């Protein structure tokens, strides 16, 4: 089996094959670009979600600073209150002792 082509037919065939190849390459590149764009959109959406989480966390930290007492501060305040209660208790006992002495 022998195929014979004239020059213009061979050139047309080569150009058609090259055109098909270029078309396939362009299509492949466009598919890759679409996939990359889709992934980037997903990354941007995730990044926006992280930004929202970060803002929520910063708001929570600000609220914690305003609304809650640190453990050390609470212990210090509680110690002061207990010392004052002990002083009041001592005063009451001394008044009771003085009252008991006067009655005898």
Protein backbone atom coordinates (compact mmCIF):
# COMPACT_ATOMS: atom_id res chain seq x y z
CA UNK A 1 0.00 0.00 0.00
CA UNK A 2 1.53 3.19 -1.18
CA UNK A 3 0.22 6.65 -0.42
CA UNK A 4 1.28 9.50 -2.55
CA UNK A 5 0.47 13.07 -1.73
CA UNK A 6 1.22 16.20 -3.54
CA UNK A 7 3.07 18.98 -1.74
CA UNK A 8 0.00 21.10 -1.08
CA UNK A 9 -1.87 18.08 0.29
CA UNK A 10 1.02 17.18 2.61
CA UNK A 11 1.27 20.81 3.79
CA UNK A 12 -2.48 20.95 4.37
CA UNK A 13 -2.35 17.71 6.36
CA UNK A 14 0.60 18.97 8.45
CA UNK A 15 -1.13 22.31 9.05
CA UNK A 16 -4.36 20.54 10.03
CA UNK A 17 -2.49 18.31 12.46
CA UNK A 18 -0.60 21.31 13.88
CA UNK A 19 -3.86 23.23 14.20
CA UNK A 20 -5.42 20.29 16.02
CA UNK A 21 -2.38 20.02 18.28
CA UNK A 22 -2.44 23.76 19.04
CA UNK A 23 -6.17 23.55 19.73
CA UNK A 24 -5.68 20.63 22.12
CA UNK A 25 -2.85 22.45 23.91
CA UNK A 26 -5.00 25.59 24.26
CA UNK A 27 -7.90 23.49 25.54
CA UNK A 28 -5.62 21.75 28.05
CA UNK A 29 -4.22 25.07 29.23
CA UNK A 30 -7.73 26.50 29.62
CA UNK A 31 -8.76 23.43 31.66
CA UNK A 32 -5.71 23.80 33.90
CA UNK A 33 -6.39 27.53 34.28
CA UNK A 34 -10.03 26.85 35.20
CA UNK A 35 -8.93 24.29 37.78
CA UNK A 36 -6.39 26.72 39.26
CA UNK A 37 -8.99 29.51 39.34
CA UNK A 38 -11.43 27.21 41.11
CA UNK A 39 -8.82 26.24 43.71
CA UNK A 40 -7.82 29.87 44.22
CA UNK A 41 -11.46 30.80 44.78
CA UNK A 42 -11.65 28.03 47.40
CA UNK A 43 -8.48 29.31 49.05
CA UNK A 44 -9.83 32.87 49.08
CA UNK A 45 -13.08 31.67 50.62
CA UNK A 46 -11.16 29.73 53.27
CA UNK A 47 -8.93 32.73 53.93
CA UNK A 48 -12.01 34.91 54.41
CA UNK A 49 -13.36 32.36 56.88
CA UNK A 50 -10.07 32.47 58.79
CA UNK A 51 -10.17 36.28 58.80
CA UNK A 52 -13.67 36.12 60.29
CA UNK A 53 -12.50 33.63 62.92
CA UNK A 54 -9.56 35.88 63.76
CA UNK A 55 -11.84 38.89 64.20
CA UNK A 56 -14.18 36.84 66.39
CA UNK A 57 -11.23 35.72 68.50
CA UNK A 58 -9.97 39.29 68.87
CA UNK A 59 -13.46 40.36 69.95
CA UNK A 60 -13.57 37.54 72.48
CA UNK A 61 -10.19 38.55 73.87
CA UNK A 62 -11.42 42.13 74.27
CA UNK A 63 -14.59 40.91 75.98
CA UNK A 64 -12.60 38.67 78.31
CA UNK A 65 -10.43 41.60 79.34
CA UNK A 66 -13.54 43.67 80.15
CA UNK A 67 -15.84 41.09 81.70
CA UNK A 68 -13.71 38.56 83.54
CA UNK A 69 -11.15 38.64 86.37
CA UNK A 70 -7.85 36.84 86.14
CA UNK A 71 -7.26 34.05 88.64
CA UNK A 72 -4.40 35.88 90.37
CA UNK A 73 -6.46 39.06 90.72
CA UNK A 74 -9.37 37.08 92.16
CA UNK A 75 -7.12 35.35 94.70
CA UNK A 76 -5.60 38.68 95.70
CA UNK A 77 -9.04 40.29 96.13
CA UNK A 78 -10.35 37.29 98.04
CA UNK A 79 -7.33 37.41 100.37
CA UNK A 80 -7.96 41.09 101.10
CA UNK A 81 -11.64 40.42 101.81
CA UNK A 82 -10.81 37.50 104.10
CA UNK A 83 -8.25 39.63 105.97
CA UNK A 84 -10.87 42.33 106.50
CA UNK A 85 -13.39 39.74 107.70
CA UNK A 86 -10.80 38.35 110.10
CA UNK A 87 -10.16 41.87 111.43
CA UNK A 88 -13.91 42.42 111.91
CA UNK A 89 -14.18 39.05 113.64
CA UNK A 90 -11.32 39.98 115.98
CA UNK A 91 -13.02 43.29 116.79
CA UNK A 92 -16.31 41.55 117.54
CA UNK A 93 -14.57 39.03 119.80
CA UNK A 94 -12.72 41.78 121.67
CA UNK A 95 -16.00 43.69 122.14
CA UNK A 96 -17.66 40.50 123.43
CA UNK A 97 -14.78 39.91 125.85
CA UNK A 98 -14.98 43.51 127.10
CA UNK A 99 -18.74 43.16 127.54
CA UNK A 100 -18.31 39.91 129.47
CA UNK A 101 -15.74 41.57 131.80
CA UNK A 102 -18.09 44.45 132.57
CA UNK A 103 -20.90 42.08 133.50
CA UNK A 104 -18.76 40.35 136.15
